[in-house]
Amino acid sequence: MKSRTAGRLASLLVAINAAAITLMVALAWNGPSLSGILVIGLWLLVTSLVGGAVAARRSSNPIGWLLLGTGLSIGLGLFAQEYAVFSLGERPGSLPLGRAMAWLSSWLTLPGFLAFALVLILFPSGRPPLRRWGRPLVRAAITLSAIQTLALALTPGPIDGVALDGVALADNPLGLQGAEPGLESVFTISGTLLVFLALLGVVSRLVGFRTASTEERQQIKWVVSAIGLLLVTFFGNIVGSSFLKENDAAYDVVAFFIPMVAVLLIPVAIGIAILKHRLYDIDLLINRALVYGSLTGVLILVYIAGIFGAGGLLREVTPGQESNSLVVAASTLAVAAAFQPARGRLQTFIDRRFYRAKYDASKTLEDFSARLRNEVDLDASTADLLTVIRVTLQPKHASLWLQHPSSRPKPVTSRER
């Protein structure tokens, strides 16, 4: 596909998805699930925008088209659900084709979840990490998803999601009466197999990471970092929400806004990794996140220990408001004093534990600089310099030329790895 055609098609799909999301939010504006709809709608919009950008600039890479498919499938499915609830429940008869939209909502979102799962498996090149059994795995996943979607579209009975106050508003108009046990078995078996294939896809990605190029590893690190931050935010949200009341403003920040931002990081990380990965040093970001995340946890523990530990002892000796103020001030000063030493120690520990090669290289350069101050022998300095280059940069060949006043440059020594 030509780049201009791909750009126009991607723009059209993004516009369709944006329209569907806007209508979905408008239909659910007065409903009880508006906050969840806003979060999902924003995630779908960002996913579609990233997919459109990737598809327009890298039309041969299926990642962009899969992201667009994710946004379209889930967005249109949720729009159909809100349309059906509004037409059949909130204002019956106000909109046409309510039952048809209810039927579409029953199965239309399912392919979108498969498309996003394929994005995580095929990222970043759009090809399976292990071609020998990666391609059959992808074909099997698509086939099972199609079977599961068909079974869901033909299952008789009330349609899940199309309900008002817990009362179902519509039955499946195309449900095969009497075939419900068989269709449910097909749906369950295909879903179990899809979970198994997803686990195989994760394993193949882990195995493929070892043989991936340096560029692909940097791209994968972007997405893995976003997923890791999402998991940390998820558990932090559970812990933080348990200490806050639902009416507090802090509860809304912890329970709503922070998870929303974390969820948006995954499609944004995918877009950065594919389109702009050479402009960012993800290793530096991961390093700083580990250092300052650990530092924040340590300082919080120091502060809590000062408030509840030493503060409790001080309050027993000198009870009163002044002792509380003294405890808070002392704990704050302790945290401020421990910041710089703790940051240096954590930086050294993380560099030695997770970035050993870079740590060894920096230590080698520091040792060489210290030796060079006291070294006067040219041959010894030359040999030492070549050793440092071989250890830090690890080239296949290293040579050193010295310019002599009366002759052309010639190699003094040469060492091979």
Protein backbone atom coordinates (compact mmCIF):
# COMPACT_ATOMS: atom_id res chain seq x y z
CA MET A 1 0.00 0.00 0.00
CA LYS A 2 1.33 3.46 -0.91
CA SER A 3 2.10 5.77 1.96
CA ARG A 4 -0.48 8.35 0.86
CA THR A 5 -3.23 5.72 0.59
CA ALA A 6 -2.24 4.21 3.94
CA GLY A 7 -2.34 7.65 5.55
CA ARG A 8 -5.81 8.41 4.20
CA LEU A 9 -7.18 5.02 5.24
CA ALA A 10 -5.66 5.34 8.73
CA SER A 11 -7.12 8.85 9.11
CA LEU A 12 -10.55 7.59 8.06
CA LEU A 13 -10.47 4.75 10.59
CA VAL A 14 -9.34 7.10 13.36
CA ALA A 15 -12.18 9.49 12.51
CA ILE A 16 -14.74 6.66 12.60
CA ASN A 17 -13.49 5.49 15.97
CA ALA A 18 -13.45 9.05 17.37
CA ALA A 19 -17.05 9.52 16.26
CA ALA A 20 -18.09 6.22 17.86
CA ILE A 21 -16.37 7.14 21.14
CA THR A 22 -17.97 10.58 21.18
CA LEU A 23 -21.45 9.14 20.63
CA MET A 24 -20.81 6.44 23.24
CA VAL A 25 -19.90 9.06 25.87
CA ALA A 26 -22.91 11.20 24.91
CA LEU A 27 -25.31 8.26 25.31
CA ALA A 28 -23.82 7.32 28.71
CA TRP A 29 -23.57 10.89 29.99
CA ASN A 30 -26.29 10.58 32.62
CA GLY A 31 -25.65 6.93 33.38
CA PRO A 32 -23.99 5.44 36.47
CA SER A 33 -21.03 4.07 34.48
CA LEU A 34 -19.89 7.39 33.02
CA SER A 35 -16.48 7.39 34.76
CA GLY A 36 -15.63 3.94 33.43
CA ILE A 37 -16.84 4.90 29.95
CA LEU A 38 -14.61 7.99 30.00
CA VAL A 39 -11.55 5.96 30.93
CA ILE A 40 -12.21 3.31 28.30
CA GLY A 41 -13.08 5.93 25.69
CA LEU A 42 -9.88 7.88 26.30
CA TRP A 43 -7.81 4.70 26.11
CA LEU A 44 -9.50 3.69 22.84
CA LEU A 45 -8.96 7.14 21.38
CA VAL A 46 -5.25 7.18 22.27
CA THR A 47 -4.87 3.63 20.96
CA SER A 48 -6.48 4.60 17.66
CA LEU A 49 -4.36 7.74 17.32
CA VAL A 50 -1.17 5.78 17.93
CA GLY A 51 -2.31 3.06 15.54
CA GLY A 52 -3.14 5.64 12.89
CA ALA A 53 0.28 7.28 13.23
CA VAL A 54 2.10 3.95 13.01
CA ALA A 55 -0.03 2.74 10.08
CA ALA A 56 0.50 5.98 8.15
CA ARG A 57 4.28 6.02 8.62
CA ARG A 58 4.95 2.25 8.75
CA SER A 59 2.18 0.83 6.57
CA SER A 60 4.02 -2.48 6.11
CA ASN A 61 4.08 -3.07 9.88
CA PRO A 62 0.79 -4.69 11.00
CA ILE A 63 1.12 -3.27 14.54
CA GLY A 64 -0.50 0.01 13.50
CA TRP A 65 -3.42 -1.72 11.76
CA LEU A 66 -3.91 -4.04 14.75
CA LEU A 67 -4.08 -1.03 17.08
CA LEU A 68 -6.64 0.56 14.78
CA GLY A 69 -8.59 -2.69 14.77
CA THR A 70 -8.48 -2.77 18.56
CA GLY A 71 -9.92 0.72 18.82
CA LEU A 72 -12.57 0.13 16.16
CA SER A 73 -13.75 -3.24 17.44
CA ILE A 74 -14.01 -2.30 21.11
CA GLY A 75 -15.18 1.25 20.41
CA LEU A 76 -17.97 0.23 18.05
CA GLY A 77 -18.98 -2.63 20.33
CA LEU A 78 -19.30 -0.37 23.38
CA PHE A 79 -21.10 2.26 21.32
CA ALA A 80 -23.60 -0.40 20.21
CA GLN A 81 -24.08 -1.42 23.85
CA GLU A 82 -24.80 2.14 25.03
CA TYR A 83 -27.05 2.68 22.00
CA ALA A 84 -29.07 -0.42 22.85
CA VAL A 85 -29.40 0.52 26.54
CA PHE A 86 -30.57 4.01 25.60
CA SER A 87 -32.98 2.78 22.90
CA LEU A 88 -34.47 -0.15 24.81
CA GLY A 89 -34.24 0.99 28.43
CA GLU A 90 -33.70 4.67 29.16
CA ARG A 91 -35.90 6.02 26.36
CA PRO A 92 -37.68 3.09 24.70
CA GLY A 93 -38.37 3.61 21.01
CA SER A 94 -36.41 6.87 20.76
CA LEU A 95 -33.78 5.29 18.47
CA PRO A 96 -34.30 2.63 15.80
CA LEU A 97 -32.56 -0.76 15.51
CA GLY A 98 -32.13 -1.16 19.25
CA ARG A 99 -32.18 -4.98 19.19
CA ALA A 100 -29.79 -5.14 16.24
CA MET A 101 -27.33 -2.93 18.10
CA ALA A 102 -27.74 -5.11 21.19
CA TRP A 103 -26.81 -8.15 19.11
CA LEU A 104 -23.74 -6.38 17.72
CA SER A 105 -22.62 -5.42 21.22
CA SER A 106 -22.75 -9.07 22.30
CA TRP A 107 -19.77 -10.09 20.16
CA LEU A 108 -18.19 -7.07 18.45
CA THR A 109 -15.69 -6.26 21.22
CA LEU A 110 -14.15 -9.74 21.27
CA PRO A 111 -11.98 -9.39 18.11
CA GLY A 112 -10.56 -6.16 19.52
CA PHE A 113 -9.10 -7.91 22.55
CA LEU A 114 -7.51 -10.52 20.28
CA ALA A 115 -6.03 -7.75 18.11
CA PHE A 116 -4.45 -6.08 21.15
CA ALA A 117 -3.08 -9.43 22.36
CA LEU A 118 -1.51 -9.92 18.91
CA VAL A 119 0.05 -6.45 19.21
CA LEU A 120 1.86 -7.49 22.39
CA ILE A 121 2.99 -10.79 20.82
CA LEU A 122 4.06 -9.45 17.40
CA PHE A 123 5.60 -6.21 18.68
CA PRO A 124 7.76 -4.51 17.42
CA SER A 125 8.40 -5.85 13.91
CA GLY A 126 4.94 -7.33 13.29
CA ARG A 127 6.40 -10.81 12.85
CA PRO A 128 6.28 -13.70 15.35
CA PRO A 129 9.44 -13.84 17.48
CA LEU A 130 9.91 -17.53 16.63
CA ARG A 131 8.85 -18.09 13.03
CA ARG A 132 8.87 -21.89 13.13
CA TRP A 133 5.98 -22.17 15.54
CA GLY A 134 5.06 -18.51 15.95
CA ARG A 135 3.09 -18.26 12.71
CA PRO A 136 0.99 -21.41 13.38
CA LEU A 137 0.33 -19.99 16.86
CA VAL A 138 -1.00 -16.73 15.41
CA ARG A 139 -3.16 -18.55 12.83
CA ALA A 140 -4.56 -20.83 15.53
CA ALA A 141 -5.35 -17.83 17.74
CA ILE A 142 -7.21 -16.07 14.92
CA THR A 143 -9.17 -19.23 14.08
CA LEU A 144 -10.14 -19.88 17.70
CA SER A 145 -11.15 -16.25 18.14
CA ALA A 146 -13.39 -16.45 15.07
CA ILE A 147 -15.01 -19.65 16.43
CA GLN A 148 -15.51 -18.07 19.84
CA THR A 149 -17.01 -14.91 18.32
CA LEU A 150 -19.41 -16.96 16.18
CA ALA A 151 -20.47 -19.05 19.18
CA LEU A 152 -21.11 -15.91 21.19
CA ALA A 153 -23.12 -14.32 18.38
CA LEU A 154 -25.40 -17.37 18.11
CA THR A 155 -25.88 -18.18 21.83
CA PRO A 156 -29.55 -17.72 22.77
CA GLY A 157 -30.77 -15.92 25.88
CA PRO A 158 -30.33 -12.44 27.40
CA ILE A 159 -27.49 -10.32 26.05
CA ASP A 160 -24.89 -9.49 28.67
CA GLY A 161 -24.21 -5.79 29.13
CA VAL A 162 -27.52 -4.62 27.66
CA ALA A 163 -29.33 -4.19 30.97
CA LEU A 164 -30.80 -1.45 33.13
CA ASP A 165 -30.93 -1.75 36.92
CA GLY A 166 -29.92 -5.38 36.62
CA VAL A 167 -32.76 -6.26 34.23
CA ALA A 168 -31.85 -7.58 30.78
CA LEU A 169 -33.34 -5.51 27.98
CA ALA A 170 -32.98 -7.84 25.01
CA ASP A 171 -32.51 -11.47 24.03
CA ASN A 172 -30.26 -12.58 21.20
CA PRO A 173 -32.40 -12.24 18.03
CA LEU A 174 -30.20 -14.73 16.15
CA GLY A 175 -29.78 -17.21 18.98
CA LEU A 176 -30.12 -20.87 18.08
CA GLN A 177 -32.71 -22.26 20.45
CA GLY A 178 -31.72 -25.62 21.91
CA ALA A 179 -28.07 -25.23 20.92
CA GLU A 180 -27.10 -23.30 24.03
CA PRO A 181 -25.20 -26.15 25.80
CA GLY A 182 -23.14 -26.92 22.72
CA LEU A 183 -22.37 -23.28 21.98
CA GLU A 184 -21.36 -22.62 25.58
CA SER A 185 -19.03 -25.63 25.46
CA VAL A 186 -17.48 -24.36 22.23
CA PHE A 187 -17.06 -20.92 23.77
CA THR A 188 -15.44 -22.32 26.93
CA ILE A 189 -13.10 -24.70 25.09
CA SER A 190 -11.99 -22.07 22.58
CA GLY A 191 -11.46 -19.54 25.37
CA THR A 192 -9.31 -22.02 27.33
CA LEU A 193 -7.23 -22.75 24.24
CA LEU A 194 -6.81 -19.02 23.60
CA VAL A 195 -5.46 -18.54 27.12
CA PHE A 196 -3.03 -21.40 26.52
CA LEU A 197 -1.93 -19.87 23.21
CA ALA A 198 -1.50 -16.50 24.93
CA LEU A 199 0.85 -18.11 27.45
CA LEU A 200 2.78 -19.70 24.59
CA GLY A 201 2.96 -16.29 22.95
CA VAL A 202 4.46 -14.79 26.13
CA VAL A 203 7.00 -17.63 26.29
CA SER A 204 7.91 -17.13 22.63
CA ARG A 205 8.38 -13.43 23.25
CA LEU A 206 10.69 -14.14 26.21
CA VAL A 207 12.70 -16.64 24.16
CA GLY A 208 12.78 -14.32 21.16
CA PHE A 209 14.06 -11.46 23.30
CA ARG A 210 17.34 -13.30 23.76
CA THR A 211 17.93 -13.49 19.99
CA ALA A 212 16.47 -10.07 19.14
CA SER A 213 18.63 -7.27 17.81
CA THR A 214 19.75 -4.41 20.03
CA GLU A 215 17.22 -2.10 18.39
CA GLU A 216 14.31 -4.50 19.00
CA ARG A 217 15.38 -4.99 22.61
CA GLN A 218 15.22 -1.25 23.19
CA GLN A 219 11.75 -1.16 21.65
CA ILE A 220 10.53 -4.06 23.79
CA LYS A 221 11.86 -2.38 26.92
CA TRP A 222 9.56 0.58 26.31
CA VAL A 223 6.43 -1.57 26.38
CA VAL A 224 7.63 -3.78 29.23
CA SER A 225 8.35 -0.65 31.28
CA ALA A 226 4.83 0.67 30.64
CA ILE A 227 3.28 -2.67 31.62
CA GLY A 228 5.41 -2.82 34.77
CA LEU A 229 4.35 0.69 35.75
CA LEU A 230 0.73 -0.29 35.16
CA LEU A 231 1.07 -3.29 37.50
CA VAL A 232 2.75 -1.17 40.18
CA THR A 233 -0.03 1.41 39.85
CA PHE A 234 -2.67 -1.31 40.08
CA PHE A 235 -1.36 -2.69 43.36
CA GLY A 236 -0.68 0.81 44.69
CA ASN A 237 -4.26 1.71 43.83
CA ILE A 238 -5.57 -1.22 45.87
CA VAL A 239 -3.43 -0.30 48.87
CA GLY A 240 -4.07 3.45 48.63
CA SER A 241 -7.82 3.14 48.18
CA SER A 242 -8.12 1.03 51.33
CA PHE A 243 -6.85 3.94 53.46
CA LEU A 244 -9.03 6.62 51.86
CA LYS A 245 -12.73 7.37 51.96
CA GLU A 246 -14.77 7.51 48.78
CA ASN A 247 -15.79 11.12 49.43
CA ASP A 248 -12.22 12.39 49.69
CA ALA A 249 -10.64 14.21 46.77
CA ALA A 250 -7.50 12.09 47.19
CA TYR A 251 -9.59 8.96 46.65
CA ASP A 252 -10.61 10.15 43.18
CA VAL A 253 -6.98 10.82 42.29
CA VAL A 254 -5.80 7.41 43.50
CA ALA A 255 -8.74 5.37 42.25
CA PHE A 256 -9.47 7.13 38.95
CA PHE A 257 -6.89 9.51 37.49
CA ILE A 258 -3.65 7.66 38.28
CA PRO A 259 -4.85 4.30 36.83
CA MET A 260 -6.16 6.15 33.78
CA VAL A 261 -2.76 7.71 33.10
CA ALA A 262 -1.01 4.36 33.64
CA VAL A 263 -3.33 2.59 31.19
CA LEU A 264 -2.63 5.23 28.55
CA LEU A 265 1.11 4.62 28.81
CA ILE A 266 0.96 1.26 26.99
CA PRO A 267 -0.24 2.52 23.57
CA VAL A 268 1.93 5.64 23.96
CA ALA A 269 4.98 3.45 24.67
CA ILE A 270 4.18 1.35 21.59
CA GLY A 271 4.06 4.45 19.42
CA ILE A 272 7.30 5.86 20.83
CA ALA A 273 9.10 2.55 20.46
CA ILE A 274 8.18 2.15 16.80
CA LEU A 275 8.37 5.76 15.60
CA LYS A 276 10.85 7.53 17.88
CA HIS A 277 12.83 4.84 19.65
CA ARG A 278 16.21 6.20 18.54
CA LEU A 279 15.56 9.56 20.21
CA TYR A 280 15.22 8.20 23.75
CA ASP A 281 17.47 6.19 26.05
CA ILE A 282 15.05 3.78 27.68
CA ASP A 283 17.83 2.22 29.77
CA LEU A 284 18.44 5.59 31.41
CA LEU A 285 14.71 6.01 32.13
CA ILE A 286 14.48 2.52 33.65
CA ASN A 287 17.60 3.17 35.71
CA ARG A 288 16.26 6.44 37.07
CA ALA A 289 12.83 4.90 37.74
CA LEU A 290 14.42 2.09 39.76
CA VAL A 291 16.63 4.49 41.70
CA TYR A 292 14.04 7.11 42.55
CA GLY A 293 11.25 4.58 43.07
CA SER A 294 13.38 2.69 45.58
CA LEU A 295 14.54 5.97 47.13
CA THR A 296 10.96 7.12 47.60
CA GLY A 297 10.05 3.86 49.33
CA VAL A 298 13.07 4.04 51.64
CA LEU A 299 12.42 7.66 52.61
CA ILE A 300 8.74 6.92 53.28
CA LEU A 301 9.77 4.09 55.61
CA VAL A 302 12.23 6.40 57.37
CA TYR A 303 9.55 9.03 57.79
CA ILE A 304 6.97 6.54 59.07
CA ALA A 305 9.52 5.06 61.48
CA GLY A 306 10.30 8.52 62.78
CA ILE A 307 6.64 9.46 63.22
CA PHE A 308 5.37 6.25 64.80
CA GLY A 309 8.57 4.81 66.29
CA ALA A 310 10.70 7.53 67.80
CA GLY A 311 7.64 9.80 67.98
CA GLY A 312 5.80 7.32 70.18
CA LEU A 313 8.69 7.19 72.63
CA LEU A 314 8.99 10.98 72.71
CA ARG A 315 5.25 11.46 73.30
CA GLU A 316 5.42 9.15 76.31
CA VAL A 317 8.17 11.29 77.82
CA THR A 318 6.79 14.74 76.90
CA PRO A 319 3.11 14.48 75.93
CA GLY A 320 1.47 17.39 74.17
CA GLN A 321 1.18 19.20 70.85
CA GLU A 322 4.74 20.49 70.99
CA SER A 323 6.14 16.97 70.99
CA ASN A 324 4.14 16.12 67.86
CA SER A 325 5.53 19.17 66.05
CA LEU A 326 9.02 18.24 67.17
CA VAL A 327 8.60 14.69 65.88
CA VAL A 328 7.39 15.88 62.47
CA ALA A 329 10.23 18.39 62.16
CA ALA A 330 12.87 15.83 63.22
CA SER A 331 11.50 13.22 60.80
CA THR A 332 11.50 15.73 57.96
CA LEU A 333 15.10 16.74 58.70
CA ALA A 334 16.11 13.06 58.85
CA VAL A 335 14.55 12.40 55.45
CA ALA A 336 16.26 15.47 53.96
CA ALA A 337 19.62 14.45 55.41
CA ALA A 338 19.30 10.87 54.17
CA PHE A 339 18.26 11.81 50.64
CA GLN A 340 21.65 12.27 48.99
CA PRO A 341 23.54 9.39 50.72
CA ALA A 342 20.64 7.01 50.11
CA ARG A 343 20.40 8.02 46.44
CA GLY A 344 24.12 7.40 45.92
CA ARG A 345 24.04 3.99 47.57
CA LEU A 346 20.92 2.92 45.67
CA GLN A 347 22.43 4.14 42.39
CA THR A 348 25.58 2.09 43.02
CA PHE A 349 23.59 -0.99 44.05
CA ILE A 350 21.29 -0.86 41.01
CA ASP A 351 24.18 -0.25 38.62
CA ARG A 352 26.11 -3.20 40.05
CA ARG A 353 23.05 -5.48 40.16
CA PHE A 354 21.19 -4.67 36.92
CA TYR A 355 23.68 -2.74 34.74
CA ARG A 356 26.86 -4.65 35.49
CA ALA A 357 28.47 -4.09 32.09
CA LYS A 358 28.07 -0.30 32.23
CA TYR A 359 29.14 -0.27 35.86
CA ASP A 360 32.30 -2.24 35.06
CA ALA A 361 33.03 0.08 32.13
CA SER A 362 32.71 3.22 34.24
CA LYS A 363 34.87 1.73 36.99
CA THR A 364 37.51 0.77 34.41
CA LEU A 365 37.58 4.33 33.07
CA GLU A 366 37.86 5.77 36.58
CA ASP A 367 40.75 3.44 37.42
CA PHE A 368 42.49 4.29 34.14
CA SER A 369 42.15 8.03 34.80
CA ALA A 370 43.67 7.57 38.25
CA ARG A 371 46.61 5.56 36.87
CA LEU A 372 47.19 8.01 34.01
CA ARG A 373 47.92 10.84 36.44
CA ASN A 374 51.01 9.06 37.73
CA GLU A 375 52.11 7.17 34.58
CA VAL A 376 55.11 8.55 32.66
CA ASP A 377 56.02 5.55 30.50
CA LEU A 378 54.55 5.95 27.00
CA ASP A 379 54.54 2.23 26.18
CA ALA A 380 52.80 1.36 29.43
CA SER A 381 50.19 4.10 28.87
CA THR A 382 49.60 2.85 25.31
CA ALA A 383 49.07 -0.74 26.42
CA ASP A 384 46.82 0.40 29.28
CA LEU A 385 44.73 2.57 26.95
CA LEU A 386 44.17 -0.29 24.50
CA THR A 387 43.18 -2.55 27.37
CA VAL A 388 40.61 -0.03 28.59
CA ILE A 389 39.16 0.34 25.07
CA ARG A 390 38.91 -3.42 24.69
CA VAL A 391 37.18 -3.86 28.07
CA THR A 392 34.73 -0.95 27.78
CA LEU A 393 33.85 -0.87 24.07
CA GLN A 394 34.69 -4.53 23.25
CA PRO A 395 35.67 -3.94 19.60
CA LYS A 396 36.86 -6.69 17.29
CA HIS A 397 40.08 -4.77 16.65
CA ALA A 398 41.77 -1.84 18.39
CA SER A 399 44.84 0.07 17.15
CA LEU A 400 46.64 3.21 18.26
CA TRP A 401 48.61 5.56 15.98
CA LEU A 402 51.00 8.21 17.23
CA GLN A 403 52.04 11.17 15.08
CA HIS A 404 55.82 11.51 14.88
CA PRO A 405 57.27 14.83 13.73
CA SER A 406 59.62 13.27 11.13
CA SER A 407 57.52 10.43 9.74
CA ARG A 408 54.05 9.40 8.76
CA PRO A 409 51.71 7.97 11.40
CA LYS A 410 52.34 4.34 12.04
CA PRO A 411 50.70 1.85 14.36
CA VAL A 412 52.46 1.49 17.68
CA THR A 413 50.59 -1.58 18.79
CA SER A 414 47.46 -3.50 17.95
CA ARG A 415 45.39 -5.93 19.91
CA GLU A 416 42.52 -8.09 18.83
CA ARG A 417 39.71 -9.29 20.92
